[in-house]
Amino acid sequence: MKQTLEEIVNSELRELHLELFEVKLGGSKGRPVVDVRIEREGGEIVLVEDCARASRAIEKRLDEEGFGDGKYALEVSSPGLERPLRHAADWKRFSGSKAVVTANVPGDPAGRRTDEIEIVGVEGDAGHEVVIVKNERGDERRFPLAAVEKARLAFHWDR
């Protein structure tokens, strides 16, 4: 069911020049909740209007497909200001941004650690990517993307 749901959502988003960040199916069997997170092509900020357009298109399609016998809740939003960084493309896209990263880097005397850093970029081939980051002093570090356990953009309201 989730595979089909993702395909439906993806096809509707493509028509609107939006991209799927993630789709989660929750709720109960009697009233499923479809939680859709979207992004704009090219990395622009997701607007409320984008969420509304996506919601209308996805809802229409789900109704046509008879999803949940029409008894479902659909929630459409962006990944947020502190969005997770999951793939090499995310690290490239957000180069120059601040992030909070938890990594377990082999050979690092500190072992597993969480730092706020600036993303410099990523290099290497698929499956062997190396993340390049800078700390607040400007010191550059490199470590395998595979060593990243969690990463998200950092947002500070006071700046």
C-alpha atoms as a PDB file:
ATOM      1  CA  MET A   1       0.000   0.000   0.000  1.00  0.00           C
ATOM      2  CA  LYS A   2       2.764   2.498   0.904  1.00  0.00           C
ATOM      3  CA  GLN A   3       4.529   1.918  -2.426  1.00  0.00           C
ATOM      4  CA  THR A   4       1.319   2.672  -4.280  1.00  0.00           C
ATOM      5  CA  LEU A   5       0.662   5.671  -2.042  1.00  0.00           C
ATOM      6  CA  GLU A   6       4.134   7.076  -2.769  1.00  0.00           C
ATOM      7  CA  GLU A   7       3.618   6.571  -6.495  1.00  0.00           C
ATOM      8  CA  ILE A   8       0.279   8.397  -6.382  1.00  0.00           C
ATOM      9  CA  VAL A   9       1.683  11.290  -4.364  1.00  0.00           C
ATOM     10  CA  ASN A  10       4.799  11.547  -6.550  1.00  0.00           C
ATOM     11  CA  SER A  11       2.788  11.652  -9.770  1.00  0.00           C
ATOM     12  CA  GLU A  12       0.581  14.463  -8.464  1.00  0.00           C
ATOM     13  CA  LEU A  13       3.527  16.462  -7.132  1.00  0.00           C
ATOM     14  CA  ARG A  14       5.456  16.193 -10.408  1.00  0.00           C
ATOM     15  CA  GLU A  15       2.528  17.841 -12.199  1.00  0.00           C
ATOM     16  CA  LEU A  16       2.873  20.789  -9.783  1.00  0.00           C
ATOM     17  CA  HIS A  17       6.697  20.960 -10.073  1.00  0.00           C
ATOM     18  CA  LEU A  18       7.029  19.882  -6.454  1.00  0.00           C
ATOM     19  CA  GLU A  19       9.093  17.051  -4.987  1.00  0.00           C
ATOM     20  CA  LEU A  20       8.277  14.484  -2.342  1.00  0.00           C
ATOM     21  CA  PHE A  21      10.466  14.674   0.748  1.00  0.00           C
ATOM     22  CA  GLU A  22       8.614  11.914   2.582  1.00  0.00           C
ATOM     23  CA  VAL A  23       5.232  10.320   3.016  1.00  0.00           C
ATOM     24  CA  LYS A  24       4.145   8.583   6.206  1.00  0.00           C
ATOM     25  CA  LEU A  25       1.009   6.566   6.735  1.00  0.00           C
ATOM     26  CA  GLY A  26      -0.310   6.582  10.287  1.00  0.00           C
ATOM     27  CA  GLY A  27      -3.569   6.841  12.152  1.00  0.00           C
ATOM     28  CA  SER A  28      -5.821   3.835  12.403  1.00  0.00           C
ATOM     29  CA  LYS A  29      -7.256   1.357   9.921  1.00  0.00           C
ATOM     30  CA  GLY A  30     -10.628   3.101  10.185  1.00  0.00           C
ATOM     31  CA  ARG A  31      -9.139   6.574   9.670  1.00  0.00           C
ATOM     32  CA  PRO A  32      -5.655   6.593   8.147  1.00  0.00           C
ATOM     33  CA  VAL A  33      -3.559   9.759   8.310  1.00  0.00           C
ATOM     34  CA  VAL A  34      -1.427  10.495   5.265  1.00  0.00           C
ATOM     35  CA  ASP A  35       1.413  12.863   6.219  1.00  0.00           C
ATOM     36  CA  VAL A  36       3.132  14.291   3.137  1.00  0.00           C
ATOM     37  CA  ARG A  37       6.207  16.533   3.267  1.00  0.00           C
ATOM     38  CA  ILE A  38       7.040  18.395   0.083  1.00  0.00           C
ATOM     39  CA  GLU A  39       9.848  20.480  -1.379  1.00  0.00           C
ATOM     40  CA  ARG A  40       9.977  22.822  -4.338  1.00  0.00           C
ATOM     41  CA  GLU A  41      12.074  21.964  -7.353  1.00  0.00           C
ATOM     42  CA  GLY A  42      15.334  23.890  -7.201  1.00  0.00           C
ATOM     43  CA  GLY A  43      15.286  24.150  -3.413  1.00  0.00           C
ATOM     44  CA  GLU A  44      13.113  27.232  -3.076  1.00  0.00           C
ATOM     45  CA  ILE A  45      11.140  27.739   0.127  1.00  0.00           C
ATOM     46  CA  VAL A  46       7.820  25.872   0.242  1.00  0.00           C
ATOM     47  CA  LEU A  47       4.924  28.305   0.444  1.00  0.00           C
ATOM     48  CA  VAL A  48       1.518  27.795   2.037  1.00  0.00           C
ATOM     49  CA  GLU A  49       0.084  27.999  -1.478  1.00  0.00           C
ATOM     50  CA  ASP A  50       2.286  25.057  -2.531  1.00  0.00           C
ATOM     51  CA  CYS A  51       0.923  22.956   0.316  1.00  0.00           C
ATOM     52  CA  ALA A  52      -2.655  23.912  -0.573  1.00  0.00           C
ATOM     53  CA  ARG A  53      -2.185  23.061  -4.277  1.00  0.00           C
ATOM     54  CA  ALA A  54      -0.520  19.768  -3.397  1.00  0.00           C
ATOM     55  CA  SER A  55      -3.236  18.904  -0.887  1.00  0.00           C
ATOM     56  CA  ARG A  56      -6.033  19.504  -3.393  1.00  0.00           C
ATOM     57  CA  ALA A  57      -4.319  17.457  -6.114  1.00  0.00           C
ATOM     58  CA  ILE A  58      -3.401  14.550  -3.826  1.00  0.00           C
ATOM     59  CA  GLU A  59      -6.840  14.492  -2.194  1.00  0.00           C
ATOM     60  CA  LYS A  60      -8.577  14.422  -5.571  1.00  0.00           C
ATOM     61  CA  ARG A  61      -6.409  11.525  -6.723  1.00  0.00           C
ATOM     62  CA  LEU A  62      -6.790   9.560  -3.475  1.00  0.00           C
ATOM     63  CA  ASP A  63     -10.557   9.976  -3.703  1.00  0.00           C
ATOM     64  CA  GLU A  64     -10.508   8.746  -7.313  1.00  0.00           C
ATOM     65  CA  GLU A  65      -8.496   5.703  -6.206  1.00  0.00           C
ATOM     66  CA  GLY A  66     -10.924   5.007  -3.331  1.00  0.00           C
ATOM     67  CA  PHE A  67      -8.182   5.311  -0.741  1.00  0.00           C
ATOM     68  CA  GLY A  68      -9.413   4.622   2.791  1.00  0.00           C
ATOM     69  CA  ASP A  69     -12.993   4.625   1.541  1.00  0.00           C
ATOM     70  CA  GLY A  70     -12.707   8.423   1.639  1.00  0.00           C
ATOM     71  CA  LYS A  71     -12.215   8.326   5.402  1.00  0.00           C
ATOM     72  CA  TYR A  72      -8.675   9.605   5.776  1.00  0.00           C
ATOM     73  CA  ALA A  73      -6.882  12.728   6.918  1.00  0.00           C
ATOM     74  CA  LEU A  74      -4.322  14.317   4.622  1.00  0.00           C
ATOM     75  CA  GLU A  75      -1.629  16.587   6.014  1.00  0.00           C
ATOM     76  CA  VAL A  76       0.739  18.376   3.617  1.00  0.00           C
ATOM     77  CA  SER A  77       3.667  20.472   4.847  1.00  0.00           C
ATOM     78  CA  SER A  78       7.321  21.257   4.250  1.00  0.00           C
ATOM     79  CA  PRO A  79      10.169  19.437   6.027  1.00  0.00           C
ATOM     80  CA  GLY A  80      10.617  22.652   8.047  1.00  0.00           C
ATOM     81  CA  LEU A  81      13.439  25.058   8.787  1.00  0.00           C
ATOM     82  CA  GLU A  82      15.379  22.356  10.611  1.00  0.00           C
ATOM     83  CA  ARG A  83      14.870  19.740   7.906  1.00  0.00           C
ATOM     84  CA  PRO A  84      16.817  16.494   8.059  1.00  0.00           C
ATOM     85  CA  LEU A  85      19.801  15.992   5.760  1.00  0.00           C
ATOM     86  CA  ARG A  86      19.606  12.465   4.403  1.00  0.00           C
ATOM     87  CA  HIS A  87      21.352  12.247   1.057  1.00  0.00           C
ATOM     88  CA  ALA A  88      24.477  13.606  -0.616  1.00  0.00           C
ATOM     89  CA  ALA A  89      22.229  15.882  -2.699  1.00  0.00           C
ATOM     90  CA  ASP A  90      20.989  17.528   0.531  1.00  0.00           C
ATOM     91  CA  TRP A  91      24.561  18.261   1.614  1.00  0.00           C
ATOM     92  CA  LYS A  92      25.326  19.803  -1.788  1.00  0.00           C
ATOM     93  CA  ARG A  93      22.107  21.796  -1.875  1.00  0.00           C
ATOM     94  CA  PHE A  94      22.618  23.297   1.579  1.00  0.00           C
ATOM     95  CA  SER A  95      26.300  24.088   1.203  1.00  0.00           C
ATOM     96  CA  GLY A  96      27.055  27.196   3.272  1.00  0.00           C
ATOM     97  CA  SER A  97      24.265  26.451   5.762  1.00  0.00           C
ATOM     98  CA  LYS A  98      24.633  25.586   9.437  1.00  0.00           C
ATOM     99  CA  ALA A  99      23.696  22.081  10.553  1.00  0.00           C
ATOM    100  CA  VAL A 100      23.625  19.952  13.687  1.00  0.00           C
ATOM    101  CA  VAL A 101      25.319  16.648  12.950  1.00  0.00           C
ATOM    102  CA  THR A 102      25.718  13.502  15.014  1.00  0.00           C
ATOM    103  CA  ALA A 103      28.424  11.295  13.550  1.00  0.00           C
ATOM    104  CA  ASN A 104      30.433   8.284  14.594  1.00  0.00           C
ATOM    105  CA  VAL A 105      33.648   8.782  12.664  1.00  0.00           C
ATOM    106  CA  PRO A 106      36.103   5.873  12.630  1.00  0.00           C
ATOM    107  CA  GLY A 107      39.441   6.948  14.087  1.00  0.00           C
ATOM    108  CA  ASP A 108      38.048  10.124  15.675  1.00  0.00           C
ATOM    109  CA  PRO A 109      39.350  10.243  19.268  1.00  0.00           C
ATOM    110  CA  ALA A 110      36.057  11.807  20.364  1.00  0.00           C
ATOM    111  CA  GLY A 111      34.144   8.839  18.909  1.00  0.00           C
ATOM    112  CA  ARG A 112      30.440   9.573  18.450  1.00  0.00           C
ATOM    113  CA  ARG A 113      29.817  13.291  18.692  1.00  0.00           C
ATOM    114  CA  THR A 114      27.259  15.968  17.932  1.00  0.00           C
ATOM    115  CA  ASP A 115      28.435  19.315  16.566  1.00  0.00           C
ATOM    116  CA  GLU A 116      26.951  22.401  14.998  1.00  0.00           C
ATOM    117  CA  ILE A 117      28.931  22.992  11.826  1.00  0.00           C
ATOM    118  CA  GLU A 118      28.819  24.792   8.492  1.00  0.00           C
ATOM    119  CA  ILE A 119      28.330  22.572   5.462  1.00  0.00           C
ATOM    120  CA  VAL A 120      31.091  23.067   2.910  1.00  0.00           C
ATOM    121  CA  GLY A 121      29.964  20.301   0.578  1.00  0.00           C
ATOM    122  CA  VAL A 122      30.289  16.657  -0.319  1.00  0.00           C
ATOM    123  CA  GLU A 123      32.542  14.808  -2.717  1.00  0.00           C
ATOM    124  CA  GLY A 124      33.064  11.276  -3.928  1.00  0.00           C
ATOM    125  CA  ASP A 125      31.094   8.622  -5.761  1.00  0.00           C
ATOM    126  CA  ALA A 126      27.688   7.229  -4.791  1.00  0.00           C
ATOM    127  CA  GLY A 127      28.052   5.067  -1.709  1.00  0.00           C
ATOM    128  CA  HIS A 128      31.491   6.534  -0.906  1.00  0.00           C
ATOM    129  CA  GLU A 129      30.627  10.188  -0.340  1.00  0.00           C
ATOM    130  CA  VAL A 130      32.724  12.306   1.993  1.00  0.00           C
ATOM    131  CA  VAL A 131      31.133  15.231   3.834  1.00  0.00           C
ATOM    132  CA  ILE A 132      33.171  18.423   4.174  1.00  0.00           C
ATOM    133  CA  VAL A 133      32.297  20.695   7.114  1.00  0.00           C
ATOM    134  CA  LYS A 134      33.770  23.655   9.032  1.00  0.00           C
ATOM    135  CA  ASN A 135      33.558  24.326  12.749  1.00  0.00           C
ATOM    136  CA  GLU A 136      33.071  27.805  14.254  1.00  0.00           C
ATOM    137  CA  ARG A 137      36.851  28.434  14.117  1.00  0.00           C
ATOM    138  CA  GLY A 138      36.903  27.676  10.394  1.00  0.00           C
ATOM    139  CA  ASP A 139      38.717  24.333  10.762  1.00  0.00           C
ATOM    140  CA  GLU A 140      37.671  21.939   7.991  1.00  0.00           C
ATOM    141  CA  ARG A 141      36.819  18.286   8.682  1.00  0.00           C
ATOM    142  CA  ARG A 142      36.054  15.461   6.293  1.00  0.00           C
ATOM    143  CA  PHE A 143      34.286  12.238   7.146  1.00  0.00           C
ATOM    144  CA  PRO A 144      32.239   9.579   5.355  1.00  0.00           C
ATOM    145  CA  LEU A 145      28.580  10.397   4.812  1.00  0.00           C
ATOM    146  CA  ALA A 146      27.935   6.840   6.022  1.00  0.00           C
ATOM    147  CA  ALA A 147      29.279   7.891   9.463  1.00  0.00           C
ATOM    148  CA  VAL A 148      26.438  10.430   9.873  1.00  0.00           C
ATOM    149  CA  GLU A 149      23.807   9.077  12.244  1.00  0.00           C
ATOM    150  CA  LYS A 150      21.602  12.196  12.273  1.00  0.00           C
ATOM    151  CA  ALA A 151      21.838  15.575  10.617  1.00  0.00           C
ATOM    152  CA  ARG A 152      19.486  18.524  10.341  1.00  0.00           C
ATOM    153  CA  LEU A 153      19.717  22.144   9.333  1.00  0.00           C
ATOM    154  CA  ALA A 154      20.239  24.505  12.273  1.00  0.00           C
ATOM    155  CA  PHE A 155      18.001  27.532  12.609  1.00  0.00           C
ATOM    156  CA  HIS A 156      18.508  30.319  15.136  1.00  0.00           C
ATOM    157  CA  TRP A 157      15.651  32.750  15.739  1.00  0.00           C
ATOM    158  CA  ASP A 158      17.967  35.418  17.133  1.00  0.00           C
ATOM    159  CA  ARG A 159      19.901  35.944  13.888  1.00  0.00           C
END
